[in-house]
N, C-alpha and C. Protein backbone atom coordinates (compact mmCIF):
# COMPACT_ATOMS: atom_id res chain seq x y z
N MET A 1 13.75 10.37 4.17
CA MET A 1 12.92 9.43 4.89
C MET A 1 13.81 8.25 5.31
N PRO A 2 13.75 7.84 6.56
CA PRO A 2 14.57 6.72 7.01
C PRO A 2 14.11 5.41 6.39
N ALA A 3 15.03 4.48 6.28
CA ALA A 3 14.69 3.16 5.74
C ALA A 3 13.72 2.46 6.68
N TRP A 4 12.90 1.59 6.11
CA TRP A 4 11.93 0.81 6.89
C TRP A 4 12.71 -0.18 7.76
N PRO A 5 12.35 -0.30 9.04
CA PRO A 5 13.08 -1.23 9.91
C PRO A 5 12.92 -2.67 9.46
N SER A 6 13.96 -3.43 9.62
CA SER A 6 13.93 -4.84 9.25
C SER A 6 13.11 -5.64 10.26
N ALA A 7 12.41 -6.66 9.76
CA ALA A 7 11.66 -7.54 10.66
C ALA A 7 12.61 -8.29 11.60
N ALA A 8 13.88 -8.39 11.23
CA ALA A 8 14.86 -9.07 12.06
C ALA A 8 15.24 -8.24 13.28
N ALA A 9 14.69 -7.07 13.41
CA ALA A 9 15.02 -6.18 14.51
C ALA A 9 14.34 -6.58 15.82
N GLY A 10 13.86 -7.80 15.93
CA GLY A 10 13.30 -8.30 17.18
C GLY A 10 11.92 -7.77 17.47
N SER A 11 11.84 -6.78 18.37
CA SER A 11 10.54 -6.26 18.79
C SER A 11 9.78 -5.60 17.66
N LEU A 12 10.45 -5.24 16.60
CA LEU A 12 9.77 -4.62 15.47
C LEU A 12 9.04 -5.63 14.60
N SER A 13 9.34 -6.92 14.76
CA SER A 13 8.72 -7.91 13.90
C SER A 13 7.21 -7.96 14.07
N LEU A 14 6.71 -7.78 15.28
CA LEU A 14 5.26 -7.75 15.50
C LEU A 14 4.66 -6.54 14.81
N LYS A 15 5.29 -5.39 14.95
CA LYS A 15 4.78 -4.19 14.28
C LYS A 15 4.77 -4.39 12.77
N THR A 16 5.79 -5.02 12.24
CA THR A 16 5.84 -5.27 10.81
C THR A 16 4.71 -6.21 10.41
N ALA A 17 4.48 -7.26 11.17
CA ALA A 17 3.40 -8.19 10.87
C ALA A 17 2.04 -7.49 10.92
N GLU A 18 1.85 -6.63 11.91
CA GLU A 18 0.60 -5.88 12.01
C GLU A 18 0.44 -4.93 10.82
N SER A 19 1.52 -4.27 10.45
CA SER A 19 1.47 -3.36 9.31
C SER A 19 1.14 -4.10 8.03
N GLU A 20 1.75 -5.27 7.85
CA GLU A 20 1.47 -6.08 6.66
C GLU A 20 0.00 -6.50 6.62
N ALA A 21 -0.56 -6.84 7.78
CA ALA A 21 -1.97 -7.24 7.84
C ALA A 21 -2.88 -6.08 7.47
N VAL A 22 -2.60 -4.91 7.99
CA VAL A 22 -3.41 -3.73 7.66
C VAL A 22 -3.27 -3.41 6.18
N HIS A 23 -2.07 -3.50 5.65
CA HIS A 23 -1.83 -3.27 4.22
C HIS A 23 -2.69 -4.23 3.39
N GLY A 24 -2.73 -5.49 3.77
CA GLY A 24 -3.52 -6.47 3.04
C GLY A 24 -5.01 -6.15 3.05
N VAL A 25 -5.51 -5.73 4.19
CA VAL A 25 -6.93 -5.37 4.31
C VAL A 25 -7.24 -4.16 3.42
N LEU A 26 -6.36 -3.17 3.43
CA LEU A 26 -6.57 -1.97 2.61
C LEU A 26 -6.55 -2.31 1.12
N VAL A 27 -5.64 -3.17 0.71
CA VAL A 27 -5.58 -3.56 -0.70
C VAL A 27 -6.84 -4.31 -1.10
N GLN A 28 -7.34 -5.20 -0.24
CA GLN A 28 -8.58 -5.91 -0.54
C GLN A 28 -9.76 -4.94 -0.66
N ARG A 29 -9.81 -3.95 0.24
CA ARG A 29 -10.90 -2.97 0.18
C ARG A 29 -10.79 -2.15 -1.11
N ALA A 30 -9.58 -1.77 -1.49
CA ALA A 30 -9.39 -1.02 -2.73
C ALA A 30 -9.86 -1.85 -3.93
N ASP A 31 -9.55 -3.13 -3.93
CA ASP A 31 -10.00 -4.00 -5.01
C ASP A 31 -11.53 -4.03 -5.08
N ALA A 32 -12.18 -4.07 -3.93
CA ALA A 32 -13.65 -4.10 -3.89
C ALA A 32 -14.27 -2.80 -4.38
N LEU A 33 -13.55 -1.69 -4.26
CA LEU A 33 -14.08 -0.38 -4.64
C LEU A 33 -13.79 0.00 -6.09
N GLU A 34 -13.01 -0.80 -6.80
CA GLU A 34 -12.68 -0.47 -8.18
C GLU A 34 -13.93 -0.39 -9.05
N GLY A 35 -13.91 0.50 -10.03
CA GLY A 35 -14.99 0.61 -10.99
C GLY A 35 -16.21 1.39 -10.52
N LEU A 36 -16.07 2.16 -9.47
CA LEU A 36 -17.21 2.92 -8.95
C LEU A 36 -17.36 4.25 -9.68
N THR A 37 -18.49 4.87 -9.50
CA THR A 37 -18.81 6.13 -10.15
C THR A 37 -17.99 7.28 -9.60
N GLU A 38 -17.43 8.10 -10.52
CA GLU A 38 -16.70 9.30 -10.10
C GLU A 38 -17.60 10.17 -9.24
N GLY A 39 -17.02 10.75 -8.20
CA GLY A 39 -17.76 11.65 -7.33
C GLY A 39 -18.49 10.95 -6.20
N SER A 40 -18.54 9.63 -6.19
CA SER A 40 -19.23 8.92 -5.13
C SER A 40 -18.38 8.92 -3.86
N ASP A 41 -19.03 8.68 -2.73
CA ASP A 41 -18.31 8.58 -1.46
C ASP A 41 -17.28 7.45 -1.52
N GLU A 42 -17.65 6.35 -2.16
CA GLU A 42 -16.74 5.21 -2.26
C GLU A 42 -15.52 5.54 -3.11
N LYS A 43 -15.71 6.33 -4.16
CA LYS A 43 -14.58 6.72 -4.99
C LYS A 43 -13.61 7.59 -4.19
N ALA A 44 -14.14 8.45 -3.33
CA ALA A 44 -13.29 9.26 -2.45
C ALA A 44 -12.56 8.36 -1.45
N GLU A 45 -13.24 7.34 -0.96
CA GLU A 45 -12.60 6.38 -0.05
C GLU A 45 -11.47 5.65 -0.77
N LEU A 46 -11.70 5.25 -2.01
CA LEU A 46 -10.69 4.56 -2.80
C LEU A 46 -9.45 5.44 -2.96
N LYS A 47 -9.63 6.71 -3.20
CA LYS A 47 -8.49 7.61 -3.34
C LYS A 47 -7.69 7.68 -2.04
N ARG A 48 -8.39 7.81 -0.92
CA ARG A 48 -7.69 7.87 0.38
C ARG A 48 -6.94 6.56 0.66
N ILE A 49 -7.58 5.44 0.38
CA ILE A 49 -6.92 4.15 0.59
C ILE A 49 -5.71 4.03 -0.34
N GLY A 50 -5.88 4.39 -1.59
CA GLY A 50 -4.79 4.32 -2.55
C GLY A 50 -3.60 5.16 -2.13
N ASP A 51 -3.87 6.37 -1.65
CA ASP A 51 -2.79 7.24 -1.19
C ASP A 51 -2.07 6.64 0.02
N ALA A 52 -2.83 6.05 0.95
CA ALA A 52 -2.23 5.44 2.14
C ALA A 52 -1.39 4.22 1.77
N VAL A 53 -1.92 3.37 0.88
CA VAL A 53 -1.19 2.17 0.46
C VAL A 53 0.08 2.57 -0.28
N GLU A 54 -0.03 3.55 -1.14
CA GLU A 54 1.13 4.02 -1.90
C GLU A 54 2.22 4.54 -0.96
N ALA A 55 1.85 5.32 0.04
CA ALA A 55 2.83 5.85 0.99
C ALA A 55 3.46 4.73 1.80
N TYR A 56 2.66 3.76 2.24
CA TYR A 56 3.19 2.62 2.99
C TYR A 56 4.17 1.83 2.14
N GLU A 57 3.77 1.52 0.91
CA GLU A 57 4.64 0.72 0.04
C GLU A 57 5.94 1.44 -0.29
N ALA A 58 5.89 2.74 -0.46
CA ALA A 58 7.10 3.51 -0.75
C ALA A 58 8.07 3.47 0.44
N ALA A 59 7.53 3.49 1.65
CA ALA A 59 8.37 3.42 2.84
C ALA A 59 8.84 1.98 3.10
N ARG A 60 7.96 1.02 2.88
CA ARG A 60 8.26 -0.38 3.18
C ARG A 60 9.23 -0.97 2.18
N TRP A 61 9.03 -0.65 0.90
CA TRP A 61 9.87 -1.18 -0.17
C TRP A 61 10.42 -0.03 -1.01
N PRO A 62 11.39 0.71 -0.47
CA PRO A 62 11.90 1.89 -1.18
C PRO A 62 12.49 1.59 -2.55
N GLU A 63 12.91 0.36 -2.78
CA GLU A 63 13.44 -0.01 -4.09
C GLU A 63 12.33 -0.41 -5.07
N GLY A 64 11.08 -0.38 -4.62
CA GLY A 64 9.95 -0.66 -5.48
C GLY A 64 9.51 -2.11 -5.53
N GLU A 65 10.11 -2.97 -4.71
CA GLU A 65 9.68 -4.35 -4.68
C GLU A 65 10.02 -4.99 -3.34
N ALA A 66 9.29 -6.03 -3.02
CA ALA A 66 9.51 -6.76 -1.78
C ALA A 66 10.61 -7.78 -2.00
N PRO A 67 11.60 -7.83 -1.11
CA PRO A 67 12.64 -8.86 -1.25
C PRO A 67 12.01 -10.24 -1.26
N GLY A 68 12.31 -11.02 -2.28
CA GLY A 68 11.74 -12.36 -2.38
C GLY A 68 10.30 -12.37 -2.83
N GLY A 69 9.73 -11.19 -3.10
CA GLY A 69 8.33 -11.11 -3.51
C GLY A 69 8.19 -11.12 -5.01
N LYS A 70 7.02 -10.80 -5.46
CA LYS A 70 6.73 -10.82 -6.89
C LYS A 70 7.45 -9.68 -7.61
N GLY A 71 7.68 -8.57 -6.90
CA GLY A 71 8.50 -7.51 -7.46
C GLY A 71 7.83 -6.58 -8.44
N SER A 72 6.55 -6.72 -8.68
CA SER A 72 5.91 -5.81 -9.62
C SER A 72 5.06 -4.81 -8.86
N PRO A 73 5.16 -3.53 -9.21
CA PRO A 73 4.35 -2.53 -8.53
C PRO A 73 2.87 -2.85 -8.68
N ARG A 74 2.11 -2.61 -7.63
CA ARG A 74 0.70 -2.96 -7.61
C ARG A 74 -0.11 -2.06 -8.52
N GLY A 75 0.02 -0.75 -8.34
CA GLY A 75 -0.75 0.18 -9.16
C GLY A 75 -2.20 0.22 -8.75
N LEU A 76 -2.53 1.05 -7.78
CA LEU A 76 -3.90 1.17 -7.31
C LEU A 76 -4.60 2.32 -8.01
N PRO A 77 -5.80 2.10 -8.52
CA PRO A 77 -6.56 3.19 -9.12
C PRO A 77 -6.95 4.19 -8.04
N GLY A 78 -7.03 5.42 -8.41
CA GLY A 78 -7.44 6.45 -7.47
C GLY A 78 -6.30 7.14 -6.78
N CYS A 79 -5.08 6.62 -6.89
CA CYS A 79 -3.92 7.29 -6.30
C CYS A 79 -3.57 8.50 -7.12
N ALA A 80 -2.82 9.38 -6.52
CA ALA A 80 -2.44 10.61 -7.20
C ALA A 80 -1.74 10.33 -8.52
N ASN A 81 -0.93 9.30 -8.61
CA ASN A 81 -0.23 9.00 -9.86
C ASN A 81 -0.70 7.67 -10.45
N GLY A 82 -1.92 7.28 -10.17
CA GLY A 82 -2.45 6.04 -10.68
C GLY A 82 -1.97 4.81 -9.95
N GLY A 83 -1.26 5.04 -8.83
CA GLY A 83 -0.79 3.94 -8.03
C GLY A 83 0.53 3.35 -8.49
N VAL A 84 1.12 3.95 -9.51
CA VAL A 84 2.38 3.42 -10.01
C VAL A 84 3.51 4.12 -9.28
N ARG A 85 4.34 3.30 -8.64
CA ARG A 85 5.46 3.87 -7.90
C ARG A 85 6.52 4.35 -8.88
N GLN A 86 7.08 5.48 -8.57
CA GLN A 86 8.12 6.08 -9.43
C GLN A 86 9.46 5.56 -9.06
């Protein structure tokens, strides 16, 4: 998998900002869906969101943390591996 493009790449900075915004919305939605009943439509939605966030984070921060960020893996419930990045 190719490395995530740097925001310093000029025209990619807008795409990065948009991606970060979508990531934030998905994480907020996942937080709102935590603790739901197994088998519910919302629990299935949480799994799909968790899988998407996990894939984005793995591509965006291949070393497992954001440069200058908090550096701790988020860990979303409902992901295939519990949301913990390997």
